């Protein structure tokens, strides 16, 4: 009984810390090149779009009219029924996103975190599993040659804290 309680306490205290520390995990595992390239590798697994259940499609379109009459994709966030709907519009392919979750069997809207706080220009996000944790990430390429990678973990029915990694400025070529 004591062992089971100790394991439960360990799991409850370690899971949020591990999920909130995806930037450190990605760096330590040498997975930054995969995040920068937006490709699977290391501890990064880019999430593929899934088929859209009819009830989810109706919910997304009813909840966000920018999805009406649009072809969109659904990217699952783990296995609990949460996901991100994405469609693109315009000549520069602006990305529109809508988050949803199943809470008590009912679909509910979930705000998508802002991974572009500087809003210098349009940036898109990707859905991935990083170290086993569903997450969103985005790359913000600065004018100085540095890229800031921002990652936010999905923690079941809520988003965790956004972390960021600043890549070094590339060295000039001689």
Protein backbone atom coordinates (compact mmCIF):
# COMPACT_ATOMS: atom_id res chain seq x y z
CA UNK A 1 0.00 0.00 0.00
CA UNK A 2 2.81 2.41 0.92
CA UNK A 3 4.63 1.63 -2.32
CA UNK A 4 1.53 2.31 -4.43
CA UNK A 5 0.98 5.64 -2.64
CA UNK A 6 4.61 6.63 -3.15
CA UNK A 7 4.43 5.76 -6.86
CA UNK A 8 1.19 7.76 -7.23
CA UNK A 9 2.75 10.80 -5.54
CA UNK A 10 5.83 10.48 -7.74
CA UNK A 11 3.75 10.28 -10.92
CA UNK A 12 1.51 13.20 -9.94
CA UNK A 13 4.46 15.44 -9.10
CA UNK A 14 6.74 14.39 -11.96
CA UNK A 15 4.29 14.46 -14.90
CA UNK A 16 3.63 18.24 -14.90
CA UNK A 17 7.32 18.98 -14.36
CA UNK A 18 8.32 16.74 -17.26
CA UNK A 19 5.68 18.19 -19.58
CA UNK A 20 6.50 21.78 -18.65
CA UNK A 21 10.17 21.15 -19.39
CA UNK A 22 9.91 20.17 -23.06
CA UNK A 23 12.44 22.83 -24.10
CA UNK A 24 15.10 21.32 -21.87
CA UNK A 25 14.21 17.80 -23.04
CA UNK A 26 14.41 18.83 -26.72
CA UNK A 27 17.77 20.53 -26.16
CA UNK A 28 19.28 17.71 -24.09
CA UNK A 29 18.19 15.09 -26.61
CA UNK A 30 19.76 17.05 -29.51
CA UNK A 31 16.31 17.30 -31.15
CA UNK A 32 16.45 21.03 -32.00
CA UNK A 33 17.37 20.39 -35.65
CA UNK A 34 14.14 18.41 -36.02
CA UNK A 35 12.04 21.21 -34.49
CA UNK A 36 13.76 23.77 -36.73
CA UNK A 37 13.14 21.60 -39.81
CA UNK A 38 9.59 20.78 -38.58
CA UNK A 39 10.29 17.08 -39.10
CA UNK A 40 10.16 13.96 -36.95
CA UNK A 41 13.40 12.83 -35.35
CA UNK A 42 15.03 12.50 -31.93
CA UNK A 43 12.23 12.87 -29.37
CA UNK A 44 10.05 14.87 -31.83
CA UNK A 45 7.19 13.17 -33.67
CA UNK A 46 5.24 15.48 -35.96
CA UNK A 47 1.54 14.66 -35.64
CA UNK A 48 -0.21 13.65 -38.83
CA UNK A 49 -3.72 14.84 -39.54
CA UNK A 50 -6.53 12.43 -38.70
CA UNK A 51 -9.92 11.78 -40.23
CA UNK A 52 -12.53 14.23 -39.02
CA UNK A 53 -15.51 12.72 -37.20
CA UNK A 54 -18.78 14.33 -38.35
CA UNK A 55 -19.61 15.65 -34.87
CA UNK A 56 -16.18 17.32 -34.58
CA UNK A 57 -16.56 18.91 -38.02
CA UNK A 58 -20.00 20.29 -37.08
CA UNK A 59 -18.68 21.58 -33.74
CA UNK A 60 -15.66 23.33 -35.29
CA UNK A 61 -17.70 24.99 -38.06
CA UNK A 62 -20.44 26.05 -35.61
CA UNK A 63 -17.87 27.41 -33.12
CA UNK A 64 -15.62 29.29 -35.59
CA UNK A 65 -17.21 30.61 -38.77
CA UNK A 66 -13.79 31.00 -40.44
CA UNK A 67 -13.94 27.20 -40.91
CA UNK A 68 -17.27 27.29 -42.79
CA UNK A 69 -16.89 26.24 -46.42
CA UNK A 70 -13.18 25.53 -45.85
CA UNK A 71 -11.19 22.36 -46.23
CA UNK A 72 -9.50 21.81 -42.90
CA UNK A 73 -7.43 19.23 -41.08
CA UNK A 74 -7.64 17.85 -37.55
CA UNK A 75 -4.52 17.09 -35.53
CA UNK A 76 -5.13 15.04 -32.37
CA UNK A 77 -3.59 16.04 -29.04
CA UNK A 78 -2.99 12.66 -27.46
CA UNK A 79 -5.75 10.08 -27.15
CA UNK A 80 -8.36 11.88 -25.03
CA UNK A 81 -10.42 13.43 -27.83
CA UNK A 82 -8.69 16.84 -27.91
CA UNK A 83 -7.30 18.33 -31.07
CA UNK A 84 -6.44 21.30 -33.21
CA UNK A 85 -8.34 22.15 -36.40
CA UNK A 86 -6.29 23.99 -39.05
CA UNK A 87 -7.10 25.63 -42.37
CA UNK A 88 -5.20 27.98 -44.62
CA UNK A 89 -6.40 31.06 -46.52
CA UNK A 90 -4.99 33.87 -48.58
CA UNK A 91 -2.11 34.35 -50.94
CA UNK A 92 0.43 33.85 -48.14
CA UNK A 93 -1.40 30.81 -46.73
CA UNK A 94 -2.42 32.30 -43.38
CA UNK A 95 -3.01 29.57 -40.83
CA UNK A 96 -6.29 29.55 -38.86
CA UNK A 97 -6.51 27.30 -35.81
CA UNK A 98 -9.23 26.16 -33.46
CA UNK A 99 -8.71 24.01 -30.37
CA UNK A 100 -11.21 21.58 -28.89
CA UNK A 101 -11.40 19.00 -26.14
CA UNK A 102 -13.82 16.40 -24.85
CA UNK A 103 -14.91 17.22 -21.34
CA UNK A 104 -17.33 14.73 -19.84
CA UNK A 105 -17.99 13.38 -23.34
CA UNK A 106 -19.00 16.84 -24.61
CA UNK A 107 -16.95 18.86 -27.09
CA UNK A 108 -15.74 22.21 -25.77
CA UNK A 109 -13.65 24.96 -27.33
CA UNK A 110 -10.10 25.45 -26.04
CA UNK A 111 -8.12 28.63 -26.68
CA UNK A 112 -4.98 28.00 -28.72
CA UNK A 113 -1.90 29.57 -27.06
CA UNK A 114 -0.16 32.45 -28.80
CA UNK A 115 3.24 31.23 -29.95
CA UNK A 116 3.98 34.49 -31.78
CA UNK A 117 3.84 37.17 -29.07
CA UNK A 118 5.98 39.60 -31.06
CA UNK A 119 3.51 39.39 -33.98
CA UNK A 120 6.26 40.66 -36.27
CA UNK A 121 4.76 38.68 -39.09
CA UNK A 122 2.70 35.57 -39.65
CA UNK A 123 4.04 32.37 -38.12
CA UNK A 124 2.50 28.94 -38.22
CA UNK A 125 2.43 26.27 -35.54
CA UNK A 126 2.86 22.54 -35.74
CA UNK A 127 1.34 19.79 -33.60
CA UNK A 128 3.84 17.21 -32.37
CA UNK A 129 4.59 14.76 -29.62
CA UNK A 130 7.80 15.76 -27.86
CA UNK A 131 9.24 13.24 -25.46
CA UNK A 132 5.84 11.51 -25.38
CA UNK A 133 3.90 14.72 -24.55
CA UNK A 134 1.47 16.23 -27.08
CA UNK A 135 2.47 19.82 -27.83
CA UNK A 136 2.32 22.78 -30.17
CA UNK A 137 5.50 24.44 -31.35
CA UNK A 138 6.41 27.31 -33.60
CA UNK A 139 9.62 28.73 -35.01
CA UNK A 140 10.06 32.51 -35.02
CA UNK A 141 12.92 33.44 -37.32
CA UNK A 142 14.36 36.82 -36.41
CA UNK A 143 16.11 39.31 -38.65
CA UNK A 144 19.34 38.69 -36.72
CA UNK A 145 19.56 35.07 -37.90
CA UNK A 146 18.41 33.64 -34.58
CA UNK A 147 15.33 31.48 -34.34
CA UNK A 148 13.18 31.28 -31.24
CA UNK A 149 11.41 27.95 -30.86
CA UNK A 150 8.34 28.16 -28.61
CA UNK A 151 6.75 24.99 -27.24
CA UNK A 152 3.57 24.53 -25.20
CA UNK A 153 2.58 21.09 -23.84
CA UNK A 154 -0.97 19.72 -23.78
CA UNK A 155 -1.58 18.41 -20.26
CA UNK A 156 -4.77 16.45 -20.68
CA UNK A 157 -7.47 19.13 -20.54
CA UNK A 158 -5.35 22.27 -20.49
CA UNK A 159 -2.23 23.84 -21.92
CA UNK A 160 0.93 24.04 -19.85
CA UNK A 161 3.36 26.94 -19.75
CA UNK A 162 5.07 28.07 -22.95
CA UNK A 163 8.83 27.60 -22.95
CA UNK A 164 11.25 28.90 -25.54
CA UNK A 165 14.66 28.11 -26.92
CA UNK A 166 16.76 30.73 -28.67
CA UNK A 167 19.10 29.24 -31.25
CA UNK A 168 22.52 30.79 -31.65
CA UNK A 169 23.18 33.40 -34.32
CA UNK A 170 24.78 31.68 -37.31
CA UNK A 171 28.42 32.53 -37.83
CA UNK A 172 29.15 34.59 -40.95
CA UNK A 173 30.75 32.66 -43.78
CA UNK A 174 34.28 33.82 -44.63
